[in-house]
Amino acid sequence: MAERPPTMMYPPVEDLLDKVDSKFTLVALAARRGRQINSYYNGLGSEGIGTIVPPQVASTSRKSLSIALEEIAAGKIQYVEPSEVEADAEADDAEMQEPEA
């Protein structure tokens, strides 16, 4: 099959949707990570270094949202269902509260 022609949108939306369960999740994940990247760049030179994770991919883009989408496409950023996180936290709490015999 022929290679797809280059487009202005990289990475392609179809590839991004394969990484998450819905387009709404994709938007929320990219927006949150984009804000984190923006905060990282705004915080350079201040005392906040080390509190925010820097970009995880080498990108030619200077836009934080584009970098976030490239991270999602590369598999560096993943969405975890809140119910899964809460269940893991509850299991950890239950283990900590069990009395030792």
N, C-alpha and C. Protein backbone atom coordinates (compact mmCIF):
# COMPACT_ATOMS: atom_id res chain seq x y z
N MET A 1 0.84 -1.17 0.00
CA MET A 1 0.00 0.00 0.00
C MET A 1 0.89 1.24 0.00
N ALA A 2 0.46 2.27 -0.65
CA ALA A 2 1.25 3.49 -0.77
C ALA A 2 1.30 4.23 0.57
N GLU A 3 2.40 4.89 0.78
CA GLU A 3 2.58 5.70 1.99
C GLU A 3 1.60 6.86 1.99
N ARG A 4 1.09 7.22 3.17
CA ARG A 4 0.17 8.34 3.25
C ARG A 4 0.91 9.63 2.92
N PRO A 5 0.25 10.55 2.24
CA PRO A 5 0.90 11.84 1.96
C PRO A 5 1.08 12.61 3.26
N PRO A 6 2.16 13.40 3.35
CA PRO A 6 2.37 14.16 4.58
C PRO A 6 1.26 15.18 4.79
N THR A 7 0.88 15.35 6.03
CA THR A 7 -0.17 16.30 6.37
C THR A 7 0.37 17.32 7.36
N MET A 8 -0.42 18.33 7.61
CA MET A 8 -0.02 19.34 8.58
C MET A 8 -0.15 18.80 10.00
N MET A 9 -1.02 17.82 10.19
CA MET A 9 -1.25 17.27 11.53
C MET A 9 -0.34 16.09 11.77
N TYR A 10 0.64 16.28 12.62
CA TYR A 10 1.49 15.18 13.03
C TYR A 10 1.54 15.18 14.56
N PRO A 11 1.31 14.10 15.17
CA PRO A 11 0.93 12.78 14.69
C PRO A 11 -0.53 12.75 14.25
N PRO A 12 -0.87 11.83 13.34
CA PRO A 12 -2.26 11.75 12.86
C PRO A 12 -3.25 11.44 13.99
N VAL A 13 -4.40 12.01 13.90
CA VAL A 13 -5.43 11.82 14.93
C VAL A 13 -5.81 10.35 15.06
N GLU A 14 -5.83 9.63 13.95
CA GLU A 14 -6.18 8.21 13.99
C GLU A 14 -5.20 7.43 14.86
N ASP A 15 -3.91 7.76 14.76
CA ASP A 15 -2.91 7.08 15.57
C ASP A 15 -3.07 7.43 17.05
N LEU A 16 -3.42 8.68 17.31
CA LEU A 16 -3.61 9.10 18.70
C LEU A 16 -4.82 8.43 19.32
N LEU A 17 -5.89 8.26 18.55
CA LEU A 17 -7.10 7.64 19.08
C LEU A 17 -6.88 6.16 19.39
N ASP A 18 -5.87 5.54 18.77
CA ASP A 18 -5.54 4.15 19.09
C ASP A 18 -4.92 4.03 20.48
N LYS A 19 -4.37 5.13 21.00
CA LYS A 19 -3.69 5.11 22.30
C LYS A 19 -4.63 5.32 23.48
N VAL A 20 -5.82 5.88 23.24
CA VAL A 20 -6.77 6.17 24.32
C VAL A 20 -8.13 5.58 23.95
N ASP A 21 -9.07 5.63 24.91
CA ASP A 21 -10.36 5.01 24.67
C ASP A 21 -11.37 5.92 23.96
N SER A 22 -11.18 7.24 24.00
CA SER A 22 -12.12 8.13 23.32
C SER A 22 -11.43 9.44 22.98
N LYS A 23 -12.06 10.20 22.10
CA LYS A 23 -11.47 11.49 21.73
C LYS A 23 -11.55 12.49 22.88
N PHE A 24 -12.51 12.33 23.77
CA PHE A 24 -12.62 13.21 24.92
C PHE A 24 -11.46 12.96 25.89
N THR A 25 -11.09 11.71 26.06
CA THR A 25 -9.94 11.37 26.88
C THR A 25 -8.67 11.94 26.26
N LEU A 26 -8.56 11.86 24.95
CA LEU A 26 -7.40 12.40 24.25
C LEU A 26 -7.26 13.90 24.48
N VAL A 27 -8.37 14.61 24.37
CA VAL A 27 -8.35 16.06 24.57
C VAL A 27 -7.96 16.40 26.01
N ALA A 28 -8.55 15.71 26.98
CA ALA A 28 -8.25 16.00 28.38
C ALA A 28 -6.79 15.67 28.71
N LEU A 29 -6.31 14.54 28.22
CA LEU A 29 -4.93 14.13 28.49
C LEU A 29 -3.93 15.09 27.85
N ALA A 30 -4.17 15.46 26.59
CA ALA A 30 -3.26 16.38 25.89
C ALA A 30 -3.28 17.76 26.53
N ALA A 31 -4.45 18.22 26.94
CA ALA A 31 -4.55 19.54 27.57
C ALA A 31 -3.81 19.57 28.90
N ARG A 32 -4.00 18.54 29.71
CA ARG A 32 -3.33 18.50 31.01
C ARG A 32 -1.81 18.44 30.84
N ARG A 33 -1.35 17.58 29.94
CA ARG A 33 0.10 17.45 29.73
C ARG A 33 0.65 18.73 29.08
N GLY A 34 -0.10 19.35 28.20
CA GLY A 34 0.33 20.61 27.59
C GLY A 34 0.53 21.69 28.63
N ARG A 35 -0.38 21.77 29.61
CA ARG A 35 -0.23 22.74 30.69
C ARG A 35 1.01 22.43 31.54
N GLN A 36 1.27 21.15 31.77
CA GLN A 36 2.46 20.77 32.54
C GLN A 36 3.74 21.17 31.81
N ILE A 37 3.78 20.93 30.50
CA ILE A 37 4.96 21.30 29.70
C ILE A 37 5.13 22.82 29.70
N ASN A 38 4.02 23.53 29.56
CA ASN A 38 4.07 24.99 29.58
C ASN A 38 4.60 25.49 30.93
N SER A 39 4.16 24.90 32.01
CA SER A 39 4.64 25.27 33.34
C SER A 39 6.13 24.96 33.49
N TYR A 40 6.56 23.86 32.89
CA TYR A 40 7.98 23.50 32.95
C TYR A 40 8.82 24.59 32.28
N TYR A 41 8.43 24.99 31.07
CA TYR A 41 9.20 26.00 30.36
C TYR A 41 9.12 27.37 31.04
N ASN A 42 7.98 27.70 31.61
CA ASN A 42 7.85 28.97 32.33
C ASN A 42 8.63 28.97 33.63
N GLY A 43 8.85 27.81 34.21
CA GLY A 43 9.55 27.71 35.48
C GLY A 43 11.05 27.58 35.37
N LEU A 44 11.58 27.46 34.15
CA LEU A 44 13.03 27.35 33.99
C LEU A 44 13.69 28.62 34.53
N GLY A 45 14.74 28.44 35.28
CA GLY A 45 15.43 29.58 35.85
C GLY A 45 14.90 29.96 37.22
N SER A 46 13.88 29.26 37.68
CA SER A 46 13.35 29.55 39.01
C SER A 46 13.64 28.36 39.93
N GLU A 47 13.13 28.42 41.12
CA GLU A 47 13.41 27.38 42.11
C GLU A 47 12.57 26.12 41.90
N GLY A 48 11.62 26.12 40.97
CA GLY A 48 10.71 25.00 40.80
C GLY A 48 11.24 23.86 39.96
N ILE A 49 12.50 23.88 39.61
CA ILE A 49 13.04 22.83 38.75
C ILE A 49 13.01 21.50 39.49
N GLY A 50 12.57 20.47 38.79
CA GLY A 50 12.48 19.15 39.39
C GLY A 50 11.10 18.80 39.87
N THR A 51 10.20 19.76 39.92
CA THR A 51 8.85 19.47 40.38
C THR A 51 7.94 19.07 39.23
N ILE A 52 8.28 19.48 38.01
CA ILE A 52 7.48 19.16 36.84
C ILE A 52 8.33 18.37 35.86
N VAL A 53 7.77 17.30 35.31
CA VAL A 53 8.50 16.45 34.39
C VAL A 53 8.71 17.17 33.07
N PRO A 54 9.94 17.22 32.56
CA PRO A 54 10.21 17.88 31.28
C PRO A 54 9.64 17.08 30.12
N PRO A 55 9.62 17.64 28.92
CA PRO A 55 9.13 16.90 27.75
C PRO A 55 9.88 15.58 27.57
N GLN A 56 9.16 14.52 27.21
CA GLN A 56 9.72 13.18 27.12
C GLN A 56 10.14 12.80 25.70
N VAL A 57 9.90 13.67 24.72
CA VAL A 57 10.29 13.39 23.33
C VAL A 57 11.07 14.58 22.79
N ALA A 58 11.96 14.28 21.85
CA ALA A 58 12.66 15.36 21.16
C ALA A 58 11.74 15.87 20.07
N SER A 59 11.43 17.14 20.09
CA SER A 59 10.47 17.70 19.15
C SER A 59 11.02 18.98 18.54
N THR A 60 10.65 19.22 17.29
CA THR A 60 11.02 20.47 16.65
C THR A 60 9.98 21.55 16.93
N SER A 61 8.84 21.14 17.47
CA SER A 61 7.77 22.08 17.77
C SER A 61 8.07 22.84 19.05
N ARG A 62 7.64 24.08 19.10
CA ARG A 62 7.78 24.87 20.32
C ARG A 62 6.45 25.00 21.05
N LYS A 63 5.40 24.44 20.49
CA LYS A 63 4.07 24.51 21.11
C LYS A 63 3.90 23.36 22.09
N SER A 64 3.47 23.69 23.29
CA SER A 64 3.35 22.66 24.33
C SER A 64 2.31 21.60 23.99
N LEU A 65 1.23 21.98 23.35
CA LEU A 65 0.20 20.99 23.00
C LEU A 65 0.72 20.03 21.92
N SER A 66 1.48 20.52 20.97
CA SER A 66 2.05 19.65 19.95
C SER A 66 3.03 18.65 20.57
N ILE A 67 3.81 19.13 21.51
CA ILE A 67 4.75 18.23 22.21
C ILE A 67 3.98 17.18 22.99
N ALA A 68 2.89 17.58 23.64
CA ALA A 68 2.07 16.63 24.40
C ALA A 68 1.48 15.56 23.48
N LEU A 69 1.00 15.95 22.31
CA LEU A 69 0.44 14.98 21.37
C LEU A 69 1.52 14.03 20.86
N GLU A 70 2.73 14.54 20.64
CA GLU A 70 3.83 13.67 20.22
C GLU A 70 4.19 12.68 21.33
N GLU A 71 4.13 13.10 22.57
CA GLU A 71 4.39 12.20 23.70
C GLU A 71 3.34 11.10 23.77
N ILE A 72 2.09 11.44 23.55
CA ILE A 72 1.02 10.44 23.57
C ILE A 72 1.22 9.44 22.44
N ALA A 73 1.57 9.94 21.24
CA ALA A 73 1.78 9.05 20.09
C ALA A 73 2.97 8.12 20.33
N ALA A 74 3.99 8.60 21.02
CA ALA A 74 5.18 7.79 21.30
C ALA A 74 4.95 6.80 22.44
N GLY A 75 3.83 6.92 23.13
CA GLY A 75 3.54 6.01 24.24
C GLY A 75 4.21 6.42 25.55
N LYS A 76 4.71 7.64 25.62
CA LYS A 76 5.37 8.11 26.84
C LYS A 76 4.37 8.57 27.90
N ILE A 77 3.19 8.98 27.45
CA ILE A 77 2.14 9.43 28.35
C ILE A 77 0.94 8.51 28.16
N GLN A 78 0.42 7.97 29.25
CA GLN A 78 -0.71 7.06 29.17
C GLN A 78 -1.81 7.50 30.12
N TYR A 79 -3.03 7.21 29.73
CA TYR A 79 -4.19 7.53 30.55
C TYR A 79 -4.53 6.32 31.43
N VAL A 80 -4.75 6.57 32.72
CA VAL A 80 -5.14 5.51 33.64
C VAL A 80 -6.52 5.87 34.16
N GLU A 81 -7.44 4.93 34.07
CA GLU A 81 -8.80 5.14 34.55
C GLU A 81 -8.78 5.50 36.03
N PRO A 82 -9.52 6.52 36.45
CA PRO A 82 -9.57 6.88 37.87
C PRO A 82 -10.05 5.74 38.75
N SER A 83 -10.97 4.92 38.26
CA SER A 83 -11.47 3.81 39.07
C SER A 83 -10.37 2.80 39.34
N GLU A 84 -9.44 2.60 38.38
CA GLU A 84 -8.33 1.68 38.60
C GLU A 84 -7.38 2.22 39.66
N VAL A 85 -7.12 3.50 39.63
CA VAL A 85 -6.23 4.13 40.60
C VAL A 85 -6.85 4.07 41.99
N GLU A 86 -8.15 4.37 42.07
CA GLU A 86 -8.84 4.32 43.36
C GLU A 86 -8.85 2.90 43.92
N ALA A 87 -9.07 1.90 43.07
CA ALA A 87 -9.09 0.52 43.52
C ALA A 87 -7.72 0.10 44.05
N ASP A 88 -6.66 0.52 43.36
CA ASP A 88 -5.31 0.21 43.83
C ASP A 88 -5.03 0.88 45.17
N ALA A 89 -5.47 2.12 45.33
CA ALA A 89 -5.26 2.85 46.58
C ALA A 89 -6.04 2.20 47.72
N GLU A 90 -7.27 1.76 47.44
CA GLU A 90 -8.06 1.10 48.47
C GLU A 90 -7.43 -0.23 48.87
N ALA A 91 -6.88 -0.96 47.91
CA ALA A 91 -6.23 -2.23 48.22
C ALA A 91 -4.99 -2.00 49.08
N ASP A 92 -4.24 -0.96 48.76
CA ASP A 92 -3.07 -0.63 49.57
C ASP A 92 -3.46 -0.23 50.99
N ASP A 93 -4.55 0.54 51.11
CA ASP A 93 -5.04 0.94 52.43
C ASP A 93 -5.48 -0.26 53.25
N ALA A 94 -6.16 -1.20 52.58
CA ALA A 94 -6.64 -2.40 53.28
C ALA A 94 -5.46 -3.23 53.78
N GLU A 95 -4.40 -3.33 52.98
CA GLU A 95 -3.23 -4.09 53.39
C GLU A 95 -2.55 -3.44 54.59
N MET A 96 -2.52 -2.12 54.61
CA MET A 96 -1.86 -1.39 55.70
C MET A 96 -2.66 -1.50 57.00
N GLN A 97 -3.98 -1.66 56.92
CA GLN A 97 -4.82 -1.68 58.12
C GLN A 97 -4.97 -3.06 58.72
N GLU A 98 -4.54 -4.11 58.02
CA GLU A 98 -4.66 -5.46 58.56
C GLU A 98 -3.71 -5.63 59.74
N PRO A 99 -4.23 -6.12 60.87
CA PRO A 99 -3.36 -6.33 62.03
C PRO A 99 -2.43 -7.53 61.79
N GLU A 100 -1.22 -7.38 62.25
CA GLU A 100 -0.26 -8.47 62.11
C GLU A 100 -0.39 -9.40 63.30
N ALA A 101 -0.34 -10.71 63.02
CA ALA A 101 -0.51 -11.67 64.10
C ALA A 101 0.81 -12.21 64.59
